[in-house]
Amino acid sequence: MNLIQTEEAARRLARAIASDLSLYNEAKIVQGVIEDNLFEVIQDEIAEGQALYKNRVAPELVAKNFYGKAIVDILVRAKRHIKSKVW
């Protein structure tokens, strides 16, 4: 399989993986936001998604941290409506 070589495709894949994490782990994410331990609660899922991302994207694009940004956008910023002691 060819590695993803464009920033746009790497961003899309990162966001797709983060969206899947959000979709399939909604209850854990909500609880993690409420209890301020989100990254501990879903660390295994995030790591699994990151491994998938790294296997599909060229190393120079992995270094740009599109996956980390997608995680923050989709798992944190999109959940800001949930009452939490963090915000």
PDB file of N, CA and C in Angstrom:
ATOM      1  N   MET A   1       0.845  -1.172   0.000  1.00  0.00           N
ATOM      2  CA  MET A   1       0.000   0.000   0.000  1.00  0.00           C
ATOM      3  C   MET A   1       0.898   1.244   0.000  1.00  0.00           C
ATOM      4  N   ASN A   2       0.554   2.211  -0.825  1.00  0.00           N
ATOM      5  CA  ASN A   2       1.297   3.468  -0.880  1.00  0.00           C
ATOM      6  C   ASN A   2       0.938   4.342   0.306  1.00  0.00           C
ATOM      7  N   LEU A   3       1.926   5.040   0.831  1.00  0.00           N
ATOM      8  CA  LEU A   3       1.685   5.961   1.936  1.00  0.00           C
ATOM      9  C   LEU A   3       1.064   7.252   1.422  1.00  0.00           C
ATOM     10  N   ILE A   4       0.251   7.852   2.260  1.00  0.00           N
ATOM     11  CA  ILE A   4      -0.339   9.148   1.936  1.00  0.00           C
ATOM     12  C   ILE A   4       0.787  10.171   1.887  1.00  0.00           C
ATOM     13  N   GLN A   5       0.795  10.971   0.818  1.00  0.00           N
ATOM     14  CA  GLN A   5       1.895  11.906   0.583  1.00  0.00           C
ATOM     15  C   GLN A   5       1.476  13.374   0.627  1.00  0.00           C
ATOM     16  N   THR A   6       0.184  13.647   0.738  1.00  0.00           N
ATOM     17  CA  THR A   6      -0.255  15.050   0.726  1.00  0.00           C
ATOM     18  C   THR A   6      -0.813  15.449   2.090  1.00  0.00           C
ATOM     19  N   GLU A   7      -0.610  16.709   2.425  1.00  0.00           N
ATOM     20  CA  GLU A   7      -1.106  17.212   3.705  1.00  0.00           C
ATOM     21  C   GLU A   7      -2.622  17.098   3.796  1.00  0.00           C
ATOM     22  N   GLU A   8      -3.303  17.413   2.724  1.00  0.00           N
ATOM     23  CA  GLU A   8      -4.767  17.363   2.733  1.00  0.00           C
ATOM     24  C   GLU A   8      -5.266  15.941   3.017  1.00  0.00           C
ATOM     25  N   ALA A   9      -4.689  14.965   2.375  1.00  0.00           N
ATOM     26  CA  ALA A   9      -5.103  13.580   2.602  1.00  0.00           C
ATOM     27  C   ALA A   9      -4.741  13.124   4.011  1.00  0.00           C
ATOM     28  N   ALA A  10      -3.606  13.558   4.516  1.00  0.00           N
ATOM     29  CA  ALA A  10      -3.194  13.207   5.880  1.00  0.00           C
ATOM     30  C   ALA A  10      -4.155  13.825   6.898  1.00  0.00           C
ATOM     31  N   ARG A  11      -4.555  15.061   6.674  1.00  0.00           N
ATOM     32  CA  ARG A  11      -5.530  15.712   7.563  1.00  0.00           C
ATOM     33  C   ARG A  11      -6.869  14.982   7.523  1.00  0.00           C
ATOM     34  N   ARG A  12      -7.314  14.622   6.327  1.00  0.00           N
ATOM     35  CA  ARG A  12      -8.591  13.910   6.195  1.00  0.00           C
ATOM     36  C   ARG A  12      -8.565  12.589   6.946  1.00  0.00           C
ATOM     37  N   LEU A  13      -7.471  11.835   6.787  1.00  0.00           N
ATOM     38  CA  LEU A  13      -7.370  10.558   7.489  1.00  0.00           C
ATOM     39  C   LEU A  13      -7.358  10.784   8.997  1.00  0.00           C
ATOM     40  N   ALA A  14      -6.605  11.754   9.466  1.00  0.00           N
ATOM     41  CA  ALA A  14      -6.548  12.038  10.901  1.00  0.00           C
ATOM     42  C   ALA A  14      -7.931  12.373  11.439  1.00  0.00           C
ATOM     43  N   ARG A  15      -8.661  13.199  10.726  1.00  0.00           N
ATOM     44  CA  ARG A  15     -10.005  13.587  11.163  1.00  0.00           C
ATOM     45  C   ARG A  15     -10.972  12.412  11.089  1.00  0.00           C
ATOM     46  N   ALA A  16     -10.822  11.556  10.101  1.00  0.00           N
ATOM     47  CA  ALA A  16     -11.691  10.373   9.993  1.00  0.00           C
ATOM     48  C   ALA A  16     -11.456   9.426  11.168  1.00  0.00           C
ATOM     49  N   ILE A  17     -10.204   9.215  11.509  1.00  0.00           N
ATOM     50  CA  ILE A  17      -9.889   8.338  12.638  1.00  0.00           C
ATOM     51  C   ILE A  17     -10.421   8.943  13.931  1.00  0.00           C
ATOM     52  N   ALA A  18     -10.200  10.236  14.140  1.00  0.00           N
ATOM     53  CA  ALA A  18     -10.692  10.901  15.347  1.00  0.00           C
ATOM     54  C   ALA A  18     -12.222  10.873  15.398  1.00  0.00           C
ATOM     55  N   SER A  19     -12.866  11.037  14.267  1.00  0.00           N
ATOM     56  CA  SER A  19     -14.328  10.973  14.218  1.00  0.00           C
ATOM     57  C   SER A  19     -14.832   9.584  14.590  1.00  0.00           C
ATOM     58  N   ASP A  20     -14.162   8.568  14.103  1.00  0.00           N
ATOM     59  CA  ASP A  20     -14.531   7.200  14.479  1.00  0.00           C
ATOM     60  C   ASP A  20     -14.356   6.976  15.973  1.00  0.00           C
ATOM     61  N   LEU A  21     -13.267   7.482  16.527  1.00  0.00           N
ATOM     62  CA  LEU A  21     -13.061   7.366  17.974  1.00  0.00           C
ATOM     63  C   LEU A  21     -14.210   8.031  18.722  1.00  0.00           C
ATOM     64  N   SER A  22     -14.608   9.195  18.274  1.00  0.00           N
ATOM     65  CA  SER A  22     -15.695   9.924  18.907  1.00  0.00           C
ATOM     66  C   SER A  22     -17.005   9.155  18.793  1.00  0.00           C
ATOM     67  N   LEU A  23     -17.276   8.644  17.633  1.00  0.00           N
ATOM     68  CA  LEU A  23     -18.524   7.928  17.387  1.00  0.00           C
ATOM     69  C   LEU A  23     -18.636   6.661  18.227  1.00  0.00           C
ATOM     70  N   TYR A  24     -17.592   5.883  18.269  1.00  0.00           N
ATOM     71  CA  TYR A  24     -17.642   4.583  18.923  1.00  0.00           C
ATOM     72  C   TYR A  24     -17.312   4.615  20.412  1.00  0.00           C
ATOM     73  N   ASN A  25     -16.886   5.755  20.918  1.00  0.00           N
ATOM     74  CA  ASN A  25     -16.515   5.869  22.329  1.00  0.00           C
ATOM     75  C   ASN A  25     -17.180   7.070  23.005  1.00  0.00           C
ATOM     76  N   GLU A  26     -18.344   7.436  22.539  1.00  0.00           N
ATOM     77  CA  GLU A  26     -19.023   8.640  23.026  1.00  0.00           C
ATOM     78  C   GLU A  26     -19.184   8.642  24.548  1.00  0.00           C
ATOM     79  N   ALA A  27     -19.648   7.558  25.120  1.00  0.00           N
ATOM     80  CA  ALA A  27     -19.886   7.517  26.564  1.00  0.00           C
ATOM     81  C   ALA A  27     -18.579   7.700  27.345  1.00  0.00           C
ATOM     82  N   LYS A  28     -17.518   7.045  26.902  1.00  0.00           N
ATOM     83  CA  LYS A  28     -16.228   7.179  27.575  1.00  0.00           C
ATOM     84  C   LYS A  28     -15.698   8.606  27.458  1.00  0.00           C
ATOM     85  N   ILE A  29     -15.897   9.211  26.301  1.00  0.00           N
ATOM     86  CA  ILE A  29     -15.414  10.575  26.078  1.00  0.00           C
ATOM     87  C   ILE A  29     -16.164  11.561  26.966  1.00  0.00           C
ATOM     88  N   VAL A  30     -17.486  11.431  27.013  1.00  0.00           N
ATOM     89  CA  VAL A  30     -18.291  12.317  27.866  1.00  0.00           C
ATOM     90  C   VAL A  30     -17.848  12.175  29.316  1.00  0.00           C
ATOM     91  N   GLN A  31     -17.707  10.951  29.781  1.00  0.00           N
ATOM     92  CA  GLN A  31     -17.272  10.729  31.157  1.00  0.00           C
ATOM     93  C   GLN A  31     -15.876  11.299  31.389  1.00  0.00           C
ATOM     94  N   GLY A  32     -14.983  11.133  30.426  1.00  0.00           N
ATOM     95  CA  GLY A  32     -13.634  11.669  30.547  1.00  0.00           C
ATOM     96  C   GLY A  32     -13.599  13.181  30.607  1.00  0.00           C
ATOM     97  N   VAL A  33     -14.466  13.835  29.847  1.00  0.00           N
ATOM     98  CA  VAL A  33     -14.548  15.296  29.894  1.00  0.00           C
ATOM     99  C   VAL A  33     -15.085  15.738  31.250  1.00  0.00           C
ATOM    100  N   ILE A  34     -16.144  15.096  31.705  1.00  0.00           N
ATOM    101  CA  ILE A  34     -16.745  15.455  32.990  1.00  0.00           C
ATOM    102  C   ILE A  34     -15.747  15.274  34.130  1.00  0.00           C
ATOM    103  N   GLU A  35     -15.013  14.179  34.104  1.00  0.00           N
ATOM    104  CA  GLU A  35     -14.098  13.857  35.203  1.00  0.00           C
ATOM    105  C   GLU A  35     -12.677  14.396  34.977  1.00  0.00           C
ATOM    106  N   ASP A  36     -12.462  15.090  33.878  1.00  0.00           N
ATOM    107  CA  ASP A  36     -11.162  15.664  33.531  1.00  0.00           C
ATOM    108  C   ASP A  36     -10.053  14.614  33.465  1.00  0.00           C
ATOM    109  N   ASN A  37     -10.382  13.470  32.862  1.00  0.00           N
ATOM    110  CA  ASN A  37      -9.371  12.428  32.643  1.00  0.00           C
ATOM    111  C   ASN A  37      -9.543  11.796  31.263  1.00  0.00           C
ATOM    112  N   LEU A  38      -9.980  12.607  30.319  1.00  0.00           N
ATOM    113  CA  LEU A  38     -10.290  12.133  28.981  1.00  0.00           C
ATOM    114  C   LEU A  38      -9.155  11.328  28.362  1.00  0.00           C
ATOM    115  N   PHE A  39      -7.954  11.864  28.400  1.00  0.00           N
ATOM    116  CA  PHE A  39      -6.848  11.191  27.710  1.00  0.00           C
ATOM    117  C   PHE A  39      -6.413   9.920  28.418  1.00  0.00           C
ATOM    118  N   GLU A  40      -6.685   9.815  29.688  1.00  0.00           N
ATOM    119  CA  GLU A  40      -6.421   8.561  30.396  1.00  0.00           C
ATOM    120  C   GLU A  40      -7.473   7.516  30.045  1.00  0.00           C
ATOM    121  N   VAL A  41      -8.725   7.943  29.982  1.00  0.00           N
ATOM    122  CA  VAL A  41      -9.839   7.028  29.737  1.00  0.00           C
ATOM    123  C   VAL A  41      -9.759   6.387  28.358  1.00  0.00           C
ATOM    124  N   ILE A  42      -9.325   7.138  27.362  1.00  0.00           N
ATOM    125  CA  ILE A  42      -9.303   6.592  26.000  1.00  0.00           C
ATOM    126  C   ILE A  42      -7.894   6.507  25.421  1.00  0.00           C
ATOM    127  N   GLN A  43      -6.910   6.391  26.289  1.00  0.00           N
ATOM    128  CA  GLN A  43      -5.528   6.344  25.799  1.00  0.00           C
ATOM    129  C   GLN A  43      -5.280   5.162  24.873  1.00  0.00           C
ATOM    130  N   ASP A  44      -5.874   4.018  25.138  1.00  0.00           N
ATOM    131  CA  ASP A  44      -5.667   2.855  24.274  1.00  0.00           C
ATOM    132  C   ASP A  44      -6.259   3.086  22.888  1.00  0.00           C
ATOM    133  N   GLU A  45      -7.437   3.672  22.843  1.00  0.00           N
ATOM    134  CA  GLU A  45      -8.094   3.941  21.568  1.00  0.00           C
ATOM    135  C   GLU A  45      -7.320   4.986  20.766  1.00  0.00           C
ATOM    136  N   ILE A  46      -6.848   6.016  21.448  1.00  0.00           N
ATOM    137  CA  ILE A  46      -6.049   7.051  20.773  1.00  0.00           C
ATOM    138  C   ILE A  46      -4.764   6.442  20.219  1.00  0.00           C
ATOM    139  N   ALA A  47      -4.112   5.601  21.007  1.00  0.00           N
ATOM    140  CA  ALA A  47      -2.863   4.967  20.563  1.00  0.00           C
ATOM    141  C   ALA A  47      -3.109   4.044  19.372  1.00  0.00           C
ATOM    142  N   GLU A  48      -4.208   3.318  19.397  1.00  0.00           N
ATOM    143  CA  GLU A  48      -4.537   2.442  18.269  1.00  0.00           C
ATOM    144  C   GLU A  48      -4.779   3.259  16.999  1.00  0.00           C
ATOM    145  N   GLY A  49      -5.499   4.355  17.132  1.00  0.00           N
ATOM    146  CA  GLY A  49      -5.737   5.229  15.990  1.00  0.00           C
ATOM    147  C   GLY A  49      -4.450   5.856  15.479  1.00  0.00           C
ATOM    148  N   GLN A  50      -3.581   6.223  16.392  1.00  0.00           N
ATOM    149  CA  GLN A  50      -2.300   6.819  15.995  1.00  0.00           C
ATOM    150  C   GLN A  50      -1.431   5.807  15.255  1.00  0.00           C
ATOM    151  N   ALA A  51      -1.455   4.567  15.703  1.00  0.00           N
ATOM    152  CA  ALA A  51      -0.684   3.522  15.015  1.00  0.00           C
ATOM    153  C   ALA A  51      -1.210   3.334  13.595  1.00  0.00           C
ATOM    154  N   LEU A  52      -2.523   3.320  13.434  1.00  0.00           N
ATOM    155  CA  LEU A  52      -3.116   3.219  12.099  1.00  0.00           C
ATOM    156  C   LEU A  52      -2.684   4.394  11.239  1.00  0.00           C
ATOM    157  N   TYR A  53      -2.756   5.589  11.806  1.00  0.00           N
ATOM    158  CA  TYR A  53      -2.372   6.801  11.083  1.00  0.00           C
ATOM    159  C   TYR A  53      -0.910   6.725  10.635  1.00  0.00           C
ATOM    160  N   LYS A  54      -0.026   6.350  11.541  1.00  0.00           N
ATOM    161  CA  LYS A  54       1.402   6.264  11.222  1.00  0.00           C
ATOM    162  C   LYS A  54       1.690   5.226  10.147  1.00  0.00           C
ATOM    163  N   ASN A  55       0.914   4.169  10.099  1.00  0.00           N
ATOM    164  CA  ASN A  55       1.110   3.127   9.085  1.00  0.00           C
ATOM    165  C   ASN A  55       0.625   3.547   7.706  1.00  0.00           C
ATOM    166  N   ARG A  56      -0.202   4.571   7.642  1.00  0.00           N
ATOM    167  CA  ARG A  56      -0.789   4.971   6.363  1.00  0.00           C
ATOM    168  C   ARG A  56      -0.227   6.264   5.793  1.00  0.00           C
ATOM    169  N   VAL A  57       0.533   7.024   6.595  1.00  0.00           N
ATOM    170  CA  VAL A  57       0.972   8.365   6.203  1.00  0.00           C
ATOM    171  C   VAL A  57       2.502   8.428   6.154  1.00  0.00           C
ATOM    172  N   ALA A  58       3.027   9.162   5.190  1.00  0.00           N
ATOM    173  CA  ALA A  58       4.473   9.358   5.063  1.00  0.00           C
ATOM    174  C   ALA A  58       5.031   9.986   6.344  1.00  0.00           C
ATOM    175  N   PRO A  59       6.202   9.539   6.781  1.00  0.00           N
ATOM    176  CA  PRO A  59       6.784  10.020   8.044  1.00  0.00           C
ATOM    177  C   PRO A  59       6.901  11.539   8.156  1.00  0.00           C
ATOM    178  N   GLU A  60       7.236  12.208   7.070  1.00  0.00           N
ATOM    179  CA  GLU A  60       7.371  13.668   7.141  1.00  0.00           C
ATOM    180  C   GLU A  60       6.029  14.348   7.420  1.00  0.00           C
ATOM    181  N   LEU A  61       4.926  13.703   7.057  1.00  0.00           N
ATOM    182  CA  LEU A  61       3.604  14.250   7.368  1.00  0.00           C
ATOM    183  C   LEU A  61       3.167  13.861   8.772  1.00  0.00           C
ATOM    184  N   VAL A  62       3.557  12.685   9.224  1.00  0.00           N
ATOM    185  CA  VAL A  62       3.263  12.282  10.607  1.00  0.00           C
ATOM    186  C   VAL A  62       3.864  13.307  11.563  1.00  0.00           C
ATOM    187  N   ALA A  63       5.053  13.785  11.248  1.00  0.00           N
ATOM    188  CA  ALA A  63       5.755  14.742  12.099  1.00  0.00           C
ATOM    189  C   ALA A  63       5.010  16.073  12.230  1.00  0.00           C
ATOM    190  N   LYS A  64       4.082  16.359  11.337  1.00  0.00           N
ATOM    191  CA  LYS A  64       3.331  17.622  11.385  1.00  0.00           C
ATOM    192  C   LYS A  64       2.168  17.567  12.377  1.00  0.00           C
ATOM    193  N   ASN A  65       1.952  16.424  12.988  1.00  0.00           N
ATOM    194  CA  ASN A  65       0.991  16.251  14.077  1.00  0.00           C
ATOM    195  C   ASN A  65      -0.467  16.527  13.695  1.00  0.00           C
ATOM    196  N   PHE A  66      -0.855  16.199  12.497  1.00  0.00           N
ATOM    197  CA  PHE A  66      -2.254  16.360  12.105  1.00  0.00           C
ATOM    198  C   PHE A  66      -3.166  15.482  12.956  1.00  0.00           C
ATOM    199  N   TYR A  67      -2.674  14.317  13.349  1.00  0.00           N
ATOM    200  CA  TYR A  67      -3.487  13.414  14.165  1.00  0.00           C
ATOM    201  C   TYR A  67      -3.768  14.043  15.539  1.00  0.00           C
ATOM    202  N   GLY A  68      -2.757  14.569  16.174  1.00  0.00           N
ATOM    203  CA  GLY A  68      -2.952  15.204  17.480  1.00  0.00           C
ATOM    204  C   GLY A  68      -3.917  16.375  17.405  1.00  0.00           C
ATOM    205  N   LYS A  69      -3.808  17.167  16.357  1.00  0.00           N
ATOM    206  CA  LYS A  69      -4.713  18.301  16.177  1.00  0.00           C
ATOM    207  C   LYS A  69      -6.142  17.829  15.961  1.00  0.00           C
ATOM    208  N   ALA A  70      -6.322  16.749  15.210  1.00  0.00           N
ATOM    209  CA  ALA A  70      -7.662  16.205  14.975  1.00  0.00           C
ATOM    210  C   ALA A  70      -8.262  15.679  16.272  1.00  0.00           C
ATOM    211  N   ILE A  71      -7.442  15.043  17.099  1.00  0.00           N
ATOM    212  CA  ILE A  71      -7.919  14.546  18.392  1.00  0.00           C
ATOM    213  C   ILE A  71      -8.433  15.703  19.247  1.00  0.00           C
ATOM    214  N   VAL A  72      -7.670  16.771  19.312  1.00  0.00           N
ATOM    215  CA  VAL A  72      -8.091  17.925  20.108  1.00  0.00           C
ATOM    216  C   VAL A  72      -9.363  18.543  19.524  1.00  0.00           C
ATOM    217  N   ASP A  73      -9.406  18.735  18.217  1.00  0.00           N
ATOM    218  CA  ASP A  73     -10.581  19.342  17.587  1.00  0.00           C
ATOM    219  C   ASP A  73     -11.844  18.512  17.796  1.00  0.00           C
ATOM    220  N   ILE A  74     -11.730  17.211  17.600  1.00  0.00           N
ATOM    221  CA  ILE A  74     -12.924  16.366  17.570  1.00  0.00           C
ATOM    222  C   ILE A  74     -13.280  15.794  18.942  1.00  0.00           C
ATOM    223  N   LEU A  75     -12.294  15.446  19.746  1.00  0.00           N
ATOM    224  CA  LEU A  75     -12.602  14.844  21.038  1.00  0.00           C
ATOM    225  C   LEU A  75     -12.679  15.858  22.171  1.00  0.00           C
ATOM    226  N   VAL A  76     -12.059  17.004  22.008  1.00  0.00           N
ATOM    227  CA  VAL A  76     -12.075  17.994  23.081  1.00  0.00           C
ATOM    228  C   VAL A  76     -12.932  19.191  22.686  1.00  0.00           C
ATOM    229  N   ARG A  77     -12.513  19.914  21.671  1.00  0.00           N
ATOM    230  CA  ARG A  77     -13.205  21.145  21.290  1.00  0.00           C
ATOM    231  C   ARG A  77     -14.673  20.896  20.943  1.00  0.00           C
ATOM    232  N   ALA A  78     -14.962  19.808  20.272  1.00  0.00           N
ATOM    233  CA  ALA A  78     -16.346  19.522  19.887  1.00  0.00           C
ATOM    234  C   ALA A  78     -17.209  19.123  21.083  1.00  0.00           C
ATOM    235  N   LYS A  79     -16.580  18.815  22.207  1.00  0.00           N
ATOM    236  CA  LYS A  79     -17.331  18.409  23.401  1.00  0.00           C
ATOM    237  C   LYS A  79     -17.401  19.530  24.440  1.00  0.00           C
ATOM    238  N   ARG A  80     -17.087  20.751  24.041  1.00  0.00           N
ATOM    239  CA  ARG A  80     -17.052  21.853  25.000  1.00  0.00           C
ATOM    240  C   ARG A  80     -18.427  22.178  25.583  1.00  0.00           C
ATOM    241  N   HIS A  81     -19.482  21.646  24.998  1.00  0.00           N
ATOM    242  CA  HIS A  81     -20.826  21.858  25.536  1.00  0.00           C
ATOM    243  C   HIS A  81     -21.095  21.019  26.786  1.00  0.00           C
ATOM    244  N   ILE A  82     -20.235  20.045  27.052  1.00  0.00           N
ATOM    245  CA  ILE A  82     -20.410  19.172  28.208  1.00  0.00           C
ATOM    246  C   ILE A  82     -19.887  19.890  29.449  1.00  0.00           C
ATOM    247  N   LYS A  83     -20.672  19.879  30.495  1.00  0.00           N
ATOM    248  CA  LYS A  83     -20.248  20.543  31.726  1.00  0.00           C
ATOM    249  C   LYS A  83     -19.042  19.824  32.305  1.00  0.00           C
ATOM    250  N   SER A  84     -18.012  20.621  32.582  1.00  0.00           N
ATOM    251  CA  SER A  84     -16.753  20.055  33.082  1.00  0.00           C
ATOM    252  C   SER A  84     -16.091  21.070  33.995  1.00  0.00           C
ATOM    253  N   LYS A  85     -15.315  20.569  34.945  1.00  0.00           N
ATOM    254  CA  LYS A  85     -14.583  21.485  35.823  1.00  0.00           C
ATOM    255  C   LYS A  85     -13.414  22.138  35.085  1.00  0.00           C
ATOM    256  N   VAL A  86     -13.113  21.662  33.899  1.00  0.00           N
ATOM    257  CA  VAL A  86     -12.014  22.220  33.100  1.00  0.00           C
ATOM    258  C   VAL A  86     -12.423  23.566  32.494  1.00  0.00           C
ATOM    259  N   TRP A  87     -13.685  23.686  32.097  1.00  0.00           N
ATOM    260  CA  TRP A  87     -14.148  24.947  31.506  1.00  0.00           C
ATOM    261  C   TRP A  87     -15.482  25.356  32.038  1.00  0.00           C
TER     262      TRP A  87
END
